Amino acid sequence: MEAKSSTRLFNQSGISLLITLGAILSLGVLTADLVAHRLPWEINSLTLPFGVSATFAAALGYWVIPMLVKLKTGQIIREDGPQAHLKKAGTPTMGGVFFVPVAIIFSLLLSGGNKDVVAVSALTMGYALIGWLDDWQILRYKSNKGISPKMKLALQVGFAVLFCLWLAWSQPSSITSVTLPFNFVLPLGLLFWLLAVFVLVAESNATNLTDGVDGLAAGTSAIALLGLGVLVAPNSPGLMTFCACTSGSCLGFLVHNRNPARVFMGDTGSLALGGALASVALLTNTLWALFVLSGIFFVETLSVMAQVSYYKATKGEEGVGKRLFKMAPLHHHLELSGWAETQVVATFYAISSILALLCLATLVG
């Protein structure tokens, strides 16, 4: 009986997953506000920014998605990917063009133009721009190759350096170390800035790699952002608002991106979400929390690295190596192993939620 119940839980329809995630996130923001003695309808709460952004992002999608269809922004599907994905060809992409601005606009309005929110919003839009250029090149040339990897990396590093220069100027003496669990401080000195640039680039790429199944990147990002928002709330109310708005906007996007997806976020959305998470963590010195909250993104990236490394290490004289997974990232391996898309997404949502709870219990407690 328990096995059958577990199977039903992890094999829900797209709409059921959306409702479940929405309920979990809504309960989370309400609980966090009540525990912190914040009224849910107040501007400085988690609930109001989350709810407003979710509502506007969902509503805006009904207007923007038909426009994306008219502009012929249909996704190009890899022929060597899971065969079940071939039917998704033509689904409009670049969905990040509507849910990312919603998050940023409401963050700026509800935070009163807080300088930290302005900074993370600028970084988020910068990474969204990189993603948009990549998506546009893919659509323009009708292939899976966007801007060159070197150009993409150079732009990511460039925006990361600009953000770090601002951070060094605005907080010249406070950002030289990383705070670990149980208040253990690891001094890094100038090495912190190399780490900061790496985190911004790595987090954006990790989120991008996770965006391969309907609703996966948006849902896991919504959970991670909400967890980060609860964590930074006591000391950075402006960034709490930013996290709540971005998490809510992801949920609003999921109204259209849940299985079967009517729109994909594209690099425009995934790179922006990774940049948003990393920039908030850097500003609030919560990199360890980011690592835990981004557990799914980390594992997805690790699976790609392991696949490539194993393939190169096992190359024979004919130049062909062996594969550790049926396909990387991990979500594709699970699909090719017989998992339904919704089963993969539900499992990853559950893991992300557990990681968020563990993170808050460890670092808050």
Protein backbone atom coordinates (compact mmCIF):
# COMPACT_ATOMS: atom_id res chain seq x y z
CA MET A 1 0.00 0.00 0.00
CA GLU A 2 2.81 2.43 0.93
CA ALA A 3 4.62 1.71 -2.33
CA LYS A 4 1.49 2.48 -4.35
CA SER A 5 0.95 5.75 -2.46
CA SER A 6 4.56 6.77 -3.09
CA THR A 7 4.17 6.01 -6.80
CA ARG A 8 1.05 8.19 -7.02
CA LEU A 9 2.83 11.03 -5.19
CA PHE A 10 5.74 11.09 -7.63
CA ASN A 11 3.70 10.55 -10.77
CA GLN A 12 1.27 13.47 -10.65
CA SER A 13 0.01 15.44 -13.61
CA GLY A 14 1.50 18.83 -14.41
CA ILE A 15 -1.49 20.70 -13.00
CA SER A 16 -1.40 18.64 -9.78
CA LEU A 17 2.30 19.44 -9.36
CA LEU A 18 1.60 23.13 -9.86
CA ILE A 19 -1.16 23.13 -7.25
CA THR A 20 0.98 21.15 -4.80
CA LEU A 21 3.99 23.41 -5.21
CA GLY A 22 1.84 26.52 -5.01
CA ALA A 23 0.31 25.29 -1.76
CA ILE A 24 3.72 24.46 -0.28
CA LEU A 25 5.23 27.83 -1.21
CA SER A 26 2.18 29.77 -0.05
CA LEU A 27 2.17 27.92 3.27
CA GLY A 28 5.88 28.60 3.56
CA VAL A 29 5.63 32.37 3.11
CA LEU A 30 2.64 32.62 5.46
CA THR A 31 4.37 30.57 8.13
CA ALA A 32 7.60 32.58 7.84
CA ASP A 33 5.68 35.85 8.17
CA LEU A 34 3.68 34.70 11.18
CA VAL A 35 6.78 33.36 12.94
CA ALA A 36 8.55 36.69 12.34
CA HIS A 37 5.46 38.62 13.51
CA ARG A 38 4.87 40.17 10.07
CA LEU A 39 1.34 40.65 8.78
CA PRO A 40 0.93 38.89 5.39
CA TRP A 41 -0.58 41.97 3.71
CA GLU A 42 2.22 44.32 4.73
CA ILE A 43 4.73 45.50 2.12
CA ASN A 44 7.66 44.28 4.24
CA SER A 45 6.27 40.74 4.37
CA LEU A 46 7.10 37.71 2.24
CA THR A 47 3.49 36.96 1.38
CA LEU A 48 2.50 40.19 -0.37
CA PRO A 49 5.50 40.40 -2.76
CA PHE A 50 5.25 36.67 -3.46
CA GLY A 51 1.52 36.77 -4.20
CA VAL A 52 1.57 39.94 -6.29
CA SER A 53 4.46 38.74 -8.46
CA ALA A 54 2.92 35.30 -8.95
CA THR A 55 -0.41 36.82 -9.99
CA PHE A 56 1.08 39.32 -12.44
CA ALA A 57 3.51 36.82 -13.99
CA ALA A 58 0.71 34.31 -14.53
CA ALA A 59 -1.61 36.94 -16.03
CA LEU A 60 1.09 38.45 -18.24
CA GLY A 61 1.87 35.05 -19.70
CA TYR A 62 -1.57 34.90 -21.35
CA TRP A 63 -0.67 38.05 -23.30
CA VAL A 64 3.03 37.42 -23.99
CA ILE A 65 2.94 33.76 -25.03
CA PRO A 66 0.69 34.38 -28.09
CA MET A 67 3.13 37.14 -29.07
CA LEU A 68 6.05 34.73 -28.81
CA VAL A 69 4.13 32.30 -31.02
CA LYS A 70 3.56 35.01 -33.64
CA LEU A 71 7.25 35.91 -33.52
CA LYS A 72 8.02 32.26 -34.28
CA THR A 73 10.19 31.70 -31.23
CA GLY A 74 9.64 27.94 -31.32
CA GLN A 75 12.20 25.84 -29.45
CA ILE A 76 14.69 23.80 -31.49
CA ILE A 77 14.83 20.30 -29.95
CA ARG A 78 18.03 18.24 -29.95
CA GLU A 79 17.61 15.13 -32.09
CA ASP A 80 20.02 13.18 -29.87
CA GLY A 81 17.96 13.92 -26.76
CA PRO A 82 15.07 11.89 -25.31
CA GLN A 83 12.76 11.02 -28.21
CA ALA A 84 9.72 12.02 -26.15
CA HIS A 85 10.96 15.62 -26.31
CA LEU A 86 10.72 15.81 -30.11
CA LYS A 87 7.00 16.55 -29.82
CA LYS A 88 7.92 19.76 -27.95
CA ALA A 89 9.48 21.26 -31.07
CA GLY A 90 7.87 24.61 -31.85
CA THR A 91 6.89 25.41 -28.25
CA PRO A 92 7.78 29.09 -27.77
CA THR A 93 10.88 29.83 -25.73
CA MET A 94 12.38 32.99 -24.19
CA GLY A 95 9.69 32.97 -21.48
CA GLY A 96 12.15 34.77 -19.26
CA VAL A 97 11.26 38.00 -21.09
CA PHE A 98 8.05 38.30 -19.08
CA PHE A 99 8.53 36.67 -15.68
CA VAL A 100 12.01 38.08 -14.95
CA PRO A 101 10.96 41.75 -15.47
CA VAL A 102 7.86 41.17 -13.31
CA ALA A 103 10.09 40.02 -10.44
CA ILE A 104 12.48 42.93 -10.84
CA ILE A 105 9.84 45.65 -11.21
CA PHE A 106 7.90 44.60 -8.12
CA SER A 107 11.12 44.09 -6.17
CA LEU A 108 12.18 47.66 -6.87
CA LEU A 109 8.73 49.09 -6.16
CA LEU A 110 8.04 47.19 -2.95
CA SER A 111 11.57 47.68 -1.57
CA GLY A 112 11.46 51.41 -2.22
CA GLY A 113 14.45 51.28 -4.56
CA ASN A 114 16.74 49.68 -1.98
CA LYS A 115 20.34 49.93 -3.26
CA ASP A 116 21.07 46.24 -2.73
CA VAL A 117 17.92 45.33 -4.64
CA VAL A 118 18.97 47.66 -7.46
CA ALA A 119 22.34 45.90 -7.62
CA VAL A 120 21.00 42.33 -7.71
CA SER A 121 18.31 43.42 -10.17
CA ALA A 122 20.97 44.85 -12.48
CA LEU A 123 23.00 41.64 -12.30
CA THR A 124 19.88 39.55 -12.90
CA MET A 125 18.92 41.62 -15.96
CA GLY A 126 22.50 41.44 -17.22
CA TYR A 127 22.42 37.65 -17.13
CA ALA A 128 18.94 37.67 -18.67
CA LEU A 129 20.40 39.71 -21.54
CA ILE A 130 23.16 37.14 -22.07
CA GLY A 131 20.50 34.43 -22.16
CA TRP A 132 18.37 36.44 -24.57
CA LEU A 133 21.33 36.82 -26.97
CA ASP A 134 21.92 33.07 -26.79
CA ASP A 135 18.23 32.27 -27.36
CA TRP A 136 18.02 34.74 -30.23
CA GLN A 137 21.01 33.24 -31.99
CA ILE A 138 19.50 29.76 -31.68
CA LEU A 139 16.21 30.94 -33.16
CA ARG A 140 17.91 33.02 -35.84
CA TYR A 141 20.00 30.16 -37.20
CA LYS A 142 17.49 27.39 -36.39
CA SER A 143 20.04 25.30 -34.49
CA ASN A 144 20.97 24.44 -30.91
CA LYS A 145 24.11 26.57 -31.13
CA GLY A 146 23.69 30.07 -29.77
CA ILE A 147 26.51 32.48 -29.07
CA SER A 148 29.90 30.78 -28.78
CA PRO A 149 30.77 29.25 -25.39
CA LYS A 150 33.76 31.61 -25.11
CA MET A 151 31.61 34.67 -25.76
CA LYS A 152 28.96 33.46 -23.33
CA LEU A 153 31.55 32.85 -20.61
CA ALA A 154 33.22 36.20 -21.26
CA LEU A 155 29.92 38.04 -20.86
CA GLN A 156 29.08 36.14 -17.69
CA VAL A 157 32.48 36.90 -16.19
CA GLY A 158 32.19 40.53 -17.30
CA PHE A 159 28.87 41.11 -15.53
CA ALA A 160 30.17 39.18 -12.50
CA VAL A 161 33.25 41.41 -12.29
CA LEU A 162 31.12 44.55 -12.52
CA PHE A 163 28.90 43.28 -9.70
CA CYS A 164 31.95 42.44 -7.57
CA LEU A 165 33.45 45.88 -8.19
CA TRP A 166 30.23 47.43 -6.94
CA LEU A 167 30.25 45.08 -3.95
CA ALA A 168 33.85 46.00 -3.12
CA TRP A 169 32.98 49.70 -3.36
CA SER A 170 29.78 49.50 -1.30
CA GLN A 171 31.09 47.08 1.34
CA PRO A 172 34.88 47.47 1.23
CA SER A 173 35.68 45.93 4.62
CA SER A 174 32.90 43.44 5.28
CA ILE A 175 33.28 40.98 2.40
CA THR A 176 36.53 39.10 2.95
CA SER A 177 35.32 35.84 4.43
CA VAL A 178 32.66 33.13 4.13
CA THR A 179 30.39 32.23 7.03
CA LEU A 180 29.82 28.49 7.44
CA PRO A 181 27.33 26.63 9.66
CA PHE A 182 27.60 27.08 13.42
CA ASN A 183 29.06 30.58 12.90
CA PHE A 184 32.43 29.30 11.71
CA VAL A 185 34.11 32.04 9.67
CA LEU A 186 36.55 31.13 6.89
CA PRO A 187 38.81 34.11 6.07
CA LEU A 188 39.68 34.34 2.39
CA GLY A 189 40.99 37.86 1.86
CA LEU A 190 41.42 38.69 -1.82
CA LEU A 191 40.58 35.10 -2.78
CA PHE A 192 36.97 35.93 -1.92
CA TRP A 193 36.64 37.91 -5.15
CA LEU A 194 37.78 34.99 -7.29
CA LEU A 195 35.26 32.84 -5.47
CA ALA A 196 32.56 35.47 -5.99
CA VAL A 197 33.05 35.58 -9.76
CA PHE A 198 33.13 31.78 -9.90
CA VAL A 199 29.91 31.48 -7.88
CA LEU A 200 28.03 33.91 -10.14
CA VAL A 201 29.10 32.14 -13.32
CA ALA A 202 28.73 28.61 -11.93
CA GLU A 203 25.29 29.19 -10.37
CA SER A 204 23.87 30.69 -13.57
CA ASN A 205 25.19 27.80 -15.66
CA ALA A 206 23.98 25.22 -13.14
CA THR A 207 20.45 26.64 -13.23
CA ASN A 208 20.66 26.65 -17.02
CA LEU A 209 21.59 22.96 -17.10
CA THR A 210 18.61 22.11 -14.89
CA ASP A 211 16.19 23.68 -17.38
CA GLY A 212 15.49 20.60 -19.46
CA VAL A 213 12.13 19.25 -18.26
CA ASP A 214 8.79 21.07 -18.06
CA GLY A 215 8.58 22.98 -14.79
CA LEU A 216 11.86 21.71 -13.34
CA ALA A 217 14.07 24.82 -13.26
CA ALA A 218 11.24 27.22 -12.39
CA GLY A 219 9.95 25.11 -9.51
CA THR A 220 13.31 24.28 -7.94
CA SER A 221 14.39 27.92 -8.31
CA ALA A 222 11.17 29.11 -6.62
CA ILE A 223 11.91 26.84 -3.65
CA ALA A 224 15.57 27.91 -3.41
CA LEU A 225 14.71 31.60 -3.69
CA LEU A 226 12.04 31.37 -1.01
CA GLY A 227 14.42 29.56 1.33
CA LEU A 228 17.06 32.22 0.74
CA GLY A 229 14.49 34.96 1.29
CA VAL A 230 13.47 33.54 4.67
CA LEU A 231 17.13 33.23 5.66
CA VAL A 232 18.14 36.82 4.80
CA ALA A 233 14.92 38.46 6.07
CA PRO A 234 16.18 39.52 9.53
CA ASN A 235 19.17 41.49 8.24
CA SER A 236 18.24 42.31 4.63
CA PRO A 237 14.51 43.04 4.27
CA GLY A 238 15.02 44.51 0.81
CA LEU A 239 16.68 41.35 -0.49
CA MET A 240 13.97 39.32 1.25
CA THR A 241 11.47 41.21 -0.92
CA PHE A 242 13.56 40.52 -4.03
CA CYS A 243 13.68 36.78 -3.27
CA ALA A 244 9.94 36.67 -2.55
CA CYS A 245 9.10 38.51 -5.78
CA THR A 246 11.37 36.30 -7.88
CA SER A 247 10.07 33.12 -6.26
CA GLY A 248 6.48 34.24 -6.83
CA SER A 249 7.23 35.18 -10.42
CA CYS A 250 8.63 31.67 -10.98
CA LEU A 251 5.38 30.21 -9.64
CA GLY A 252 3.38 32.48 -11.97
CA PHE A 253 5.53 31.30 -14.88
CA LEU A 254 4.82 27.69 -13.91
CA VAL A 255 1.15 28.26 -14.74
CA HIS A 256 2.33 28.17 -18.36
CA ASN A 257 5.48 26.05 -17.99
CA ARG A 258 4.09 23.06 -16.08
CA ASN A 259 3.75 19.82 -18.04
CA PRO A 260 2.76 20.02 -20.87
CA ALA A 261 4.53 23.36 -21.19
CA ARG A 262 3.06 26.16 -23.30
CA VAL A 263 6.33 28.10 -23.06
CA PHE A 264 9.94 27.49 -22.05
CA MET A 265 11.99 29.99 -20.05
CA GLY A 266 15.05 29.61 -22.29
CA ASP A 267 18.49 30.87 -21.29
CA THR A 268 16.81 34.27 -20.85
CA GLY A 269 15.16 32.96 -17.70
CA SER A 270 17.53 30.27 -16.43
CA LEU A 271 20.71 32.37 -16.49
CA ALA A 272 18.84 35.22 -14.77
CA LEU A 273 17.59 32.96 -11.96
CA GLY A 274 21.06 31.62 -11.28
CA GLY A 275 22.45 35.14 -11.21
CA ALA A 276 19.70 36.26 -8.83
CA LEU A 277 20.42 33.47 -6.36
CA ALA A 278 24.20 33.95 -6.42
CA SER A 279 24.12 37.75 -6.15
CA VAL A 280 21.82 37.68 -3.11
CA ALA A 281 24.01 35.06 -1.43
CA LEU A 282 27.13 37.14 -2.04
CA LEU A 283 25.57 40.31 -0.67
CA THR A 284 24.36 38.58 2.48
CA ASN A 285 27.36 36.27 2.98
CA THR A 286 25.19 33.16 2.74
CA LEU A 287 27.22 31.17 0.22
CA TRP A 288 27.02 28.01 2.31
CA ALA A 289 23.25 28.30 2.35
CA LEU A 290 23.28 28.83 -1.41
CA PHE A 291 25.25 25.61 -1.83
CA VAL A 292 22.66 23.65 0.14
CA LEU A 293 19.64 25.33 -1.46
CA SER A 294 21.14 24.71 -4.90
CA GLY A 295 21.69 21.03 -4.24
CA ILE A 296 19.67 19.97 -7.29
CA PHE A 297 21.57 22.39 -9.53
CA PHE A 298 24.88 21.13 -8.14
CA VAL A 299 24.03 17.47 -8.76
CA GLU A 300 22.82 18.24 -12.28
CA THR A 301 26.10 20.02 -13.04
CA LEU A 302 28.14 17.27 -11.44
CA SER A 303 26.41 14.68 -13.64
CA VAL A 304 27.46 16.59 -16.76
CA MET A 305 31.04 16.94 -15.55
CA ALA A 306 31.20 13.25 -14.65
CA GLN A 307 29.74 12.24 -18.02
CA VAL A 308 32.27 14.29 -19.98
CA SER A 309 35.23 13.23 -17.83
CA TYR A 310 34.32 9.53 -17.97
CA TYR A 311 33.81 9.68 -21.73
CA LYS A 312 37.24 11.25 -22.27
CA ALA A 313 38.95 8.90 -19.83
CA THR A 314 37.57 5.77 -21.54
CA LYS A 315 38.29 6.76 -25.11
CA GLY A 316 39.82 3.92 -27.09
CA GLU A 317 41.91 3.94 -30.24
CA GLU A 318 38.81 4.56 -32.32
CA GLY A 319 38.20 7.80 -30.41
CA VAL A 320 34.94 6.67 -28.80
CA GLY A 321 34.49 6.54 -25.04
CA LYS A 322 31.96 5.06 -22.64
CA ARG A 323 29.10 6.93 -20.96
CA LEU A 324 28.54 6.93 -17.23
CA PHE A 325 24.89 7.96 -17.66
CA LYS A 326 22.47 7.22 -20.48
CA MET A 327 22.41 10.97 -21.01
CA ALA A 328 23.40 14.03 -19.00
CA PRO A 329 22.22 16.05 -17.10
CA LEU A 330 20.76 13.63 -14.57
CA HIS A 331 17.11 14.41 -15.36
CA HIS A 332 17.60 13.08 -18.90
CA HIS A 333 19.22 9.90 -17.55
CA LEU A 334 16.17 9.33 -15.35
CA GLU A 335 13.84 9.91 -18.30
CA LEU A 336 15.71 7.39 -20.43
CA SER A 337 15.56 4.97 -17.50
CA GLY A 338 11.77 5.01 -17.68
CA TRP A 339 10.79 7.89 -15.40
CA ALA A 340 7.95 10.14 -16.54
CA GLU A 341 8.75 13.86 -16.73
CA THR A 342 6.31 14.63 -13.93
CA GLN A 343 7.90 11.92 -11.80
CA VAL A 344 11.34 13.52 -12.23
CA VAL A 345 9.98 16.98 -11.45
CA ALA A 346 8.01 15.85 -8.37
CA THR A 347 11.04 14.04 -6.97
CA PHE A 348 13.32 17.02 -7.51
CA TYR A 349 10.73 19.37 -5.95
CA ALA A 350 10.60 17.13 -2.88
CA ILE A 351 14.39 17.03 -2.58
CA SER A 352 14.65 20.81 -3.00
CA SER A 353 12.04 21.34 -0.28
CA ILE A 354 13.89 19.04 2.11
CA LEU A 355 17.17 20.81 1.41
CA ALA A 356 15.54 24.19 2.08
CA LEU A 357 14.16 22.98 5.42
CA LEU A 358 17.51 21.48 6.42
CA CYS A 359 19.30 24.68 5.46
CA LEU A 360 16.97 26.85 7.52
CA ALA A 361 17.08 24.46 10.48
CA THR A 362 20.90 24.41 10.45
CA LEU A 363 21.68 28.05 9.78
CA VAL A 364 18.79 29.70 11.62
CA GLY A 365 18.91 27.34 14.55
